[in-house]
Amino acid sequence: SWQETLPEYLLEWPRLRSDSDIDVFAREYKRQS
């Protein structure tokens, strides 16, 4: 059911769900930019 879950093809990449997840992503992005 699409209504309930993330599509399978997106499960191979990071899934951000909160501001703190965005912060983790941003720190790593800056580190490796």
All heavy atoms as atom14 arrays in JSON, in Angstrom:
{
  "sequence": "SWQETLPEYLLEWPRLRSDSDIDVFAREYKRQS",
  "atom14_mask": [
    [1, 1, 1, 1, 1, 1, 0, 0, 0, 0, 0, 0, 0, 0],
    [1, 1, 1, 1, 1, 1, 1, 1, 1, 1, 1, 1, 1, 1],
    [1, 1, 1, 1, 1, 1, 1, 1, 1, 0, 0, 0, 0, 0],
    [1, 1, 1, 1, 1, 1, 1, 1, 1, 0, 0, 0, 0, 0],
    [1, 1, 1, 1, 1, 1, 1, 0, 0, 0, 0, 0, 0, 0],
    [1, 1, 1, 1, 1, 1, 1, 1, 0, 0, 0, 0, 0, 0],
    [1, 1, 1, 1, 1, 1, 1, 0, 0, 0, 0, 0, 0, 0],
    [1, 1, 1, 1, 1, 1, 1, 1, 1, 0, 0, 0, 0, 0],
    [1, 1, 1, 1, 1, 1, 1, 1, 1, 1, 1, 1, 0, 0],
    [1, 1, 1, 1, 1, 1, 1, 1, 0, 0, 0, 0, 0, 0],
    [1, 1, 1, 1, 1, 1, 1, 1, 0, 0, 0, 0, 0, 0],
    [1, 1, 1, 1, 1, 1, 1, 1, 1, 0, 0, 0, 0, 0],
    [1, 1, 1, 1, 1, 1, 1, 1, 1, 1, 1, 1, 1, 1],
    [1, 1, 1, 1, 1, 1, 1, 0, 0, 0, 0, 0, 0, 0],
    [1, 1, 1, 1, 1, 1, 1, 1, 1, 1, 1, 0, 0, 0],
    [1, 1, 1, 1, 1, 1, 1, 1, 0, 0, 0, 0, 0, 0],
    [1, 1, 1, 1, 1, 1, 1, 1, 1, 1, 1, 0, 0, 0],
    [1, 1, 1, 1, 1, 1, 0, 0, 0, 0, 0, 0, 0, 0],
    [1, 1, 1, 1, 1, 1, 1, 1, 0, 0, 0, 0, 0, 0],
    [1, 1, 1, 1, 1, 1, 0, 0, 0, 0, 0, 0, 0, 0],
    [1, 1, 1, 1, 1, 1, 1, 1, 0, 0, 0, 0, 0, 0],
    [1, 1, 1, 1, 1, 1, 1, 1, 0, 0, 0, 0, 0, 0],
    [1, 1, 1, 1, 1, 1, 1, 1, 0, 0, 0, 0, 0, 0],
    [1, 1, 1, 1, 1, 1, 1, 0, 0, 0, 0, 0, 0, 0],
    [1, 1, 1, 1, 1, 1, 1, 1, 1, 1, 1, 0, 0, 0],
    [1, 1, 1, 1, 1, 0, 0, 0, 0, 0, 0, 0, 0, 0],
    [1, 1, 1, 1, 1, 1, 1, 1, 1, 1, 1, 0, 0, 0],
    [1, 1, 1, 1, 1, 1, 1, 1, 1, 0, 0, 0, 0, 0],
    [1, 1, 1, 1, 1, 1, 1, 1, 1, 1, 1, 1, 0, 0],
    [1, 1, 1, 1, 1, 1, 1, 1, 1, 0, 0, 0, 0, 0],
    [1, 1, 1, 1, 1, 1, 1, 1, 1, 1, 1, 0, 0, 0],
    [1, 1, 1, 1, 1, 1, 1, 1, 1, 0, 0, 0, 0, 0],
    [1, 1, 1, 1, 1, 1, 0, 0, 0, 0, 0, 0, 0, 0]
  ],
  "atom14_positions": [
    [[0.82, -1.21, 0.0], [0.0, 0.0, 0.0], [0.85, 1.25, 0.0], [1.59, 1.51, 0.94], [-0.91, 0.0, 1.23], [-1.62, 1.2, 1.3], [0.0, 0.0, 0.0], [0.0, 0.0, 0.0], [0.0, 0.0, 0.0], [0.0, 0.0, 0.0], [0.0, 0.0, 0.0], [0.0, 0.0, 0.0], [0.0, 0.0, 0.0], [0.0, 0.0, 0.0]],
    [[0.76, 2.04, -1.05], [1.49, 3.3, -1.19], [1.1, 4.26, -0.08], [1.9, 5.05, 0.37], [1.16, 3.92, -2.53], [2.34, 4.47, -3.24], [2.93, 3.93, -4.34], [3.08, 5.65, -2.95], [3.98, 4.69, -4.74], [4.09, 5.77, -3.9], [3.01, 6.63, -1.99], [5.0, 6.81, -3.92], [3.91, 7.66, -2.0], [4.89, 7.75, -2.96]],
    [[-0.14, 4.23, 0.36], [-0.62, 5.17, 1.35], [0.07, 4.98, 2.7], [0.08, 5.88, 3.51], [-2.14, 5.06, 1.56], [-2.97, 5.55, 0.38], [-3.03, 4.54, -0.76], [-2.72, 3.37, -0.59], [-3.41, 5.01, -1.93], [0.0, 0.0, 0.0], [0.0, 0.0, 0.0], [0.0, 0.0, 0.0], [0.0, 0.0, 0.0], [0.0, 0.0, 0.0]],
    [[0.65, 3.83, 2.93], [1.2, 3.52, 4.24], [2.71, 3.62, 4.34], [3.23, 3.85, 5.41], [0.78, 2.11, 4.66], [-0.72, 1.96, 4.79], [-1.11, 0.5, 4.98], [-0.22, -0.33, 5.22], [-2.3, 0.21, 4.87], [0.0, 0.0, 0.0], [0.0, 0.0, 0.0], [0.0, 0.0, 0.0], [0.0, 0.0, 0.0], [0.0, 0.0, 0.0]],
    [[3.42, 3.41, 3.25], [4.87, 3.31, 3.35], [5.6, 4.04, 2.24], [5.03, 4.39, 1.21], [5.32, 1.84, 3.3], [4.92, 1.3, 2.06], [4.72, 1.03, 4.44], [0.0, 0.0, 0.0], [0.0, 0.0, 0.0], [0.0, 0.0, 0.0], [0.0, 0.0, 0.0], [0.0, 0.0, 0.0], [0.0, 0.0, 0.0], [0.0, 0.0, 0.0]],
    [[6.89, 4.2, 2.46], [7.78, 4.79, 1.48], [7.99, 3.79, 0.34], [8.12, 2.59, 0.59], [9.11, 5.07, 2.17], [10.06, 6.06, 1.52], [9.42, 7.43, 1.4], [11.33, 6.15, 2.35], [0.0, 0.0, 0.0], [0.0, 0.0, 0.0], [0.0, 0.0, 0.0], [0.0, 0.0, 0.0], [0.0, 0.0, 0.0], [0.0, 0.0, 0.0]],
    [[8.02, 4.26, -0.91], [8.26, 3.33, -2.03], [9.6, 2.62, -1.87], [10.58, 3.2, -1.39], [8.29, 4.26, -3.25], [7.63, 5.51, -2.83], [7.84, 5.63, -1.36], [0.0, 0.0, 0.0], [0.0, 0.0, 0.0], [0.0, 0.0, 0.0], [0.0, 0.0, 0.0], [0.0, 0.0, 0.0], [0.0, 0.0, 0.0], [0.0, 0.0, 0.0]],
    [[9.63, 1.37, -2.28], [10.83, 0.54, -2.14], [12.08, 1.19, -2.71], [13.15, 1.09, -2.12], [10.62, -0.8, -2.86], [9.75, -1.76, -2.14], [9.56, -3.04, -2.95], [10.35, -3.31, -3.86], [8.6, -3.76, -2.65], [0.0, 0.0, 0.0], [0.0, 0.0, 0.0], [0.0, 0.0, 0.0], [0.0, 0.0, 0.0], [0.0, 0.0, 0.0]],
    [[11.97, 1.84, -3.85], [13.16, 2.37, -4.5], [13.82, 3.49, -3.69], [14.99, 3.81, -3.91], [12.89, 2.83, -5.94], [12.0, 4.04, -6.1], [12.53, 5.31, -6.15], [10.62, 3.9, -6.22], [11.73, 6.42, -6.31], [9.81, 5.0, -6.38], [10.37, 6.26, -6.43], [9.57, 7.36, -6.58], [0.0, 0.0, 0.0], [0.0, 0.0, 0.0]],
    [[13.13, 4.07, -2.72], [13.73, 5.11, -1.89], [14.43, 4.56, -0.64], [15.1, 5.3, 0.07], [12.67, 6.14, -1.46], [12.13, 7.0, -2.59], [11.03, 7.92, -2.08], [13.24, 7.82, -3.23], [0.0, 0.0, 0.0], [0.0, 0.0, 0.0], [0.0, 0.0, 0.0], [0.0, 0.0, 0.0], [0.0, 0.0, 0.0], [0.0, 0.0, 0.0]],
    [[14.29, 3.29, -0.39], [14.87, 2.7, 0.82], [16.38, 2.53, 0.76], [17.02, 2.27, 1.78], [14.2, 1.36, 1.13], [12.71, 1.44, 1.45], [12.15, 0.03, 1.65], [12.43, 2.32, 2.64], [0.0, 0.0, 0.0], [0.0, 0.0, 0.0], [0.0, 0.0, 0.0], [0.0, 0.0, 0.0], [0.0, 0.0, 0.0], [0.0, 0.0, 0.0]],
    [[16.99, 2.72, -0.41], [18.45, 2.58, -0.51], [19.17, 3.87, -0.12], [20.4, 3.86, 0.02], [18.87, 2.13, -1.9], [18.7, 3.16, -2.98], [19.17, 2.65, -4.34], [20.38, 2.76, -4.63], [18.33, 2.14, -5.09], [0.0, 0.0, 0.0], [0.0, 0.0, 0.0], [0.0, 0.0, 0.0], [0.0, 0.0, 0.0], [0.0, 0.0, 0.0]],
    [[18.44, 4.96, 0.08], [19.04, 6.25, 0.4], [18.57, 6.75, 1.77], [17.56, 6.28, 2.3], [18.68, 7.27, -0.67], [19.14, 6.88, -2.04], [20.44, 6.67, -2.44], [18.33, 6.64, -3.18], [20.47, 6.32, -3.76], [19.17, 6.3, -4.25], [16.96, 6.69, -3.41], [18.71, 6.01, -5.52], [16.49, 6.4, -4.67], [17.38, 6.07, -5.72]],
    [[19.29, 7.71, 2.34], [18.9, 8.25, 3.64], [17.49, 8.82, 3.63], [17.07, 9.46, 2.67], [19.92, 9.37, 3.9], [21.09, 9.03, 3.05], [20.53, 8.33, 1.84], [0.0, 0.0, 0.0], [0.0, 0.0, 0.0], [0.0, 0.0, 0.0], [0.0, 0.0, 0.0], [0.0, 0.0, 0.0], [0.0, 0.0, 0.0], [0.0, 0.0, 0.0]],
    [[16.77, 8.54, 4.72], [15.41, 9.06, 4.9], [15.41, 10.02, 6.1], [15.64, 9.59, 7.23], [14.42, 7.92, 5.16], [14.04, 7.11, 3.95], [14.85, 5.88, 3.72], [14.89, 4.92, 4.83], [15.84, 4.01, 4.94], [16.81, 3.94, 4.05], [15.85, 3.15, 5.94], [0.0, 0.0, 0.0], [0.0, 0.0, 0.0], [0.0, 0.0, 0.0]],
    [[15.18, 11.28, 5.84], [15.14, 12.3, 6.88], [13.7, 12.49, 7.3], [12.81, 12.57, 6.45], [15.73, 13.61, 6.37], [17.05, 13.52, 5.59], [17.47, 14.88, 5.09], [18.13, 12.87, 6.42], [0.0, 0.0, 0.0], [0.0, 0.0, 0.0], [0.0, 0.0, 0.0], [0.0, 0.0, 0.0], [0.0, 0.0, 0.0], [0.0, 0.0, 0.0]],
    [[13.46, 12.57, 8.6], [12.08, 12.67, 9.08], [11.86, 13.8, 10.08], [10.74, 14.03, 10.49], [11.67, 11.34, 9.7], [11.58, 10.23, 8.67], [10.8, 9.03, 9.17], [10.47, 8.16, 8.08], [11.26, 7.2, 7.62], [12.43, 6.98, 8.16], [10.87, 6.45, 6.61], [0.0, 0.0, 0.0], [0.0, 0.0, 0.0], [0.0, 0.0, 0.0]],
    [[12.91, 14.48, 10.48], [12.77, 15.5, 11.5], [13.82, 16.6, 11.29], [14.74, 16.44, 10.48], [12.98, 14.89, 12.89], [14.32, 14.43, 13.02], [0.0, 0.0, 0.0], [0.0, 0.0, 0.0], [0.0, 0.0, 0.0], [0.0, 0.0, 0.0], [0.0, 0.0, 0.0], [0.0, 0.0, 0.0], [0.0, 0.0, 0.0], [0.0, 0.0, 0.0]],
    [[13.67, 17.68, 12.03], [14.67, 18.74, 11.97], [16.04, 18.21, 12.37], [17.05, 18.58, 11.76], [14.27, 19.9, 12.88], [13.1, 20.71, 12.33], [12.75, 20.53, 11.14], [12.55, 21.53, 13.09], [0.0, 0.0, 0.0], [0.0, 0.0, 0.0], [0.0, 0.0, 0.0], [0.0, 0.0, 0.0], [0.0, 0.0, 0.0], [0.0, 0.0, 0.0]],
    [[16.09, 17.36, 13.39], [17.39, 16.83, 13.82], [18.01, 15.95, 12.73], [19.24, 15.94, 12.58], [17.28, 16.1, 15.15], [16.45, 14.97, 15.03], [0.0, 0.0, 0.0], [0.0, 0.0, 0.0], [0.0, 0.0, 0.0], [0.0, 0.0, 0.0], [0.0, 0.0, 0.0], [0.0, 0.0, 0.0], [0.0, 0.0, 0.0], [0.0, 0.0, 0.0]],
    [[17.2, 15.23, 11.97], [17.73, 14.45, 10.83], [18.3, 15.37, 9.76], [19.34, 15.09, 9.17], [16.64, 13.57, 10.21], [16.25, 12.38, 11.08], [16.87, 12.17, 12.15], [15.29, 11.68, 10.7], [0.0, 0.0, 0.0], [0.0, 0.0, 0.0], [0.0, 0.0, 0.0], [0.0, 0.0, 0.0], [0.0, 0.0, 0.0], [0.0, 0.0, 0.0]],
    [[17.6, 16.48, 9.51], [18.11, 17.47, 8.54], [19.45, 18.01, 9.04], [20.38, 18.2, 8.26], [17.1, 18.61, 8.31], [15.85, 18.08, 7.59], [17.73, 19.74, 7.5], [14.72, 19.08, 7.48], [0.0, 0.0, 0.0], [0.0, 0.0, 0.0], [0.0, 0.0, 0.0], [0.0, 0.0, 0.0], [0.0, 0.0, 0.0], [0.0, 0.0, 0.0]],
    [[19.56, 18.24, 10.34], [20.81, 18.75, 10.92], [21.96, 17.75, 10.72], [23.07, 18.15, 10.38], [20.63, 19.06, 12.4], [19.6, 20.17, 12.64], [19.27, 20.92, 11.71], [19.11, 20.26, 13.8], [0.0, 0.0, 0.0], [0.0, 0.0, 0.0], [0.0, 0.0, 0.0], [0.0, 0.0, 0.0], [0.0, 0.0, 0.0], [0.0, 0.0, 0.0]],
    [[21.69, 16.47, 10.93], [22.7, 15.43, 10.71], [23.13, 15.44, 9.24], [24.32, 15.43, 8.92], [22.16, 14.02, 11.1], [23.06, 12.91, 10.59], [21.98, 13.93, 12.61], [0.0, 0.0, 0.0], [0.0, 0.0, 0.0], [0.0, 0.0, 0.0], [0.0, 0.0, 0.0], [0.0, 0.0, 0.0], [0.0, 0.0, 0.0], [0.0, 0.0, 0.0]],
    [[22.15, 15.46, 8.36], [22.41, 15.51, 6.92], [23.26, 16.73, 6.57], [24.24, 16.63, 5.84], [21.07, 15.54, 6.17], [21.2, 15.76, 4.69], [21.4, 14.68, 3.84], [21.11, 17.03, 4.15], [21.51, 14.88, 2.47], [21.22, 17.23, 2.79], [21.42, 16.15, 1.94], [0.0, 0.0, 0.0], [0.0, 0.0, 0.0], [0.0, 0.0, 0.0]],
    [[22.89, 17.9, 7.1], [23.58, 19.15, 6.79], [25.03, 19.12, 7.27], [25.94, 19.57, 6.55], [22.84, 20.33, 7.41], [0.0, 0.0, 0.0], [0.0, 0.0, 0.0], [0.0, 0.0, 0.0], [0.0, 0.0, 0.0], [0.0, 0.0, 0.0], [0.0, 0.0, 0.0], [0.0, 0.0, 0.0], [0.0, 0.0, 0.0], [0.0, 0.0, 0.0]],
    [[25.26, 18.61, 8.46], [26.63, 18.53, 8.98], [27.5, 17.64, 8.07], [28.63, 18.0, 7.73], [26.64, 18.01, 10.41], [26.27, 19.06, 11.44], [26.55, 18.59, 12.85], [25.77, 17.42, 13.24], [24.55, 17.47, 13.76], [23.97, 18.65, 13.97], [23.91, 16.36, 14.09], [0.0, 0.0, 0.0], [0.0, 0.0, 0.0], [0.0, 0.0, 0.0]],
    [[26.95, 16.49, 7.69], [27.71, 15.59, 6.82], [27.88, 16.19, 5.43], [28.93, 16.05, 4.81], [27.02, 14.22, 6.74], [27.82, 13.18, 6.03], [29.16, 12.87, 6.67], [29.32, 13.07, 7.9], [30.07, 12.43, 5.94], [0.0, 0.0, 0.0], [0.0, 0.0, 0.0], [0.0, 0.0, 0.0], [0.0, 0.0, 0.0], [0.0, 0.0, 0.0]],
    [[26.86, 16.88, 4.95], [26.94, 17.54, 3.64], [28.08, 18.55, 3.63], [28.89, 18.59, 2.71], [25.61, 18.22, 3.32], [25.61, 18.94, 2.0], [25.36, 18.26, 0.81], [25.88, 20.3, 1.93], [25.36, 18.92, -0.4], [25.9, 20.96, 0.72], [25.65, 20.28, -0.44], [25.66, 20.91, -1.65], [0.0, 0.0, 0.0], [0.0, 0.0, 0.0]],
    [[28.15, 19.36, 4.66], [29.21, 20.36, 4.75], [30.58, 19.7, 4.87], [31.55, 20.15, 4.26], [28.97, 21.3, 5.92], [27.89, 22.31, 5.65], [27.76, 23.26, 6.81], [27.1, 24.53, 6.37], [27.08, 25.52, 7.44], [0.0, 0.0, 0.0], [0.0, 0.0, 0.0], [0.0, 0.0, 0.0], [0.0, 0.0, 0.0], [0.0, 0.0, 0.0]],
    [[30.64, 18.62, 5.63], [31.91, 17.93, 5.83], [32.44, 17.35, 4.52], [33.63, 17.36, 4.25], [31.73, 16.81, 6.86], [33.04, 16.2, 7.34], [32.82, 15.17, 8.43], [32.37, 13.89, 7.96], [33.11, 13.03, 7.28], [34.34, 13.33, 6.96], [32.62, 11.87, 6.91], [0.0, 0.0, 0.0], [0.0, 0.0, 0.0], [0.0, 0.0, 0.0]],
    [[31.55, 16.86, 3.69], [31.99, 16.21, 2.46], [31.78, 17.06, 1.2], [32.04, 16.59, 0.11], [31.25, 14.88, 2.29], [31.68, 13.86, 3.3], [31.29, 12.45, 2.91], [30.91, 12.18, 1.78], [31.38, 11.55, 3.85], [0.0, 0.0, 0.0], [0.0, 0.0, 0.0], [0.0, 0.0, 0.0], [0.0, 0.0, 0.0], [0.0, 0.0, 0.0]],
    [[31.35, 18.3, 1.35], [31.0, 19.09, 0.16], [32.17, 19.3, -0.79], [32.0, 19.27, -2.0], [30.39, 20.43, 0.56], [31.32, 21.21, 1.25], [0.0, 0.0, 0.0], [0.0, 0.0, 0.0], [0.0, 0.0, 0.0], [0.0, 0.0, 0.0], [0.0, 0.0, 0.0], [0.0, 0.0, 0.0], [0.0, 0.0, 0.0], [0.0, 0.0, 0.0]]
  ]
}
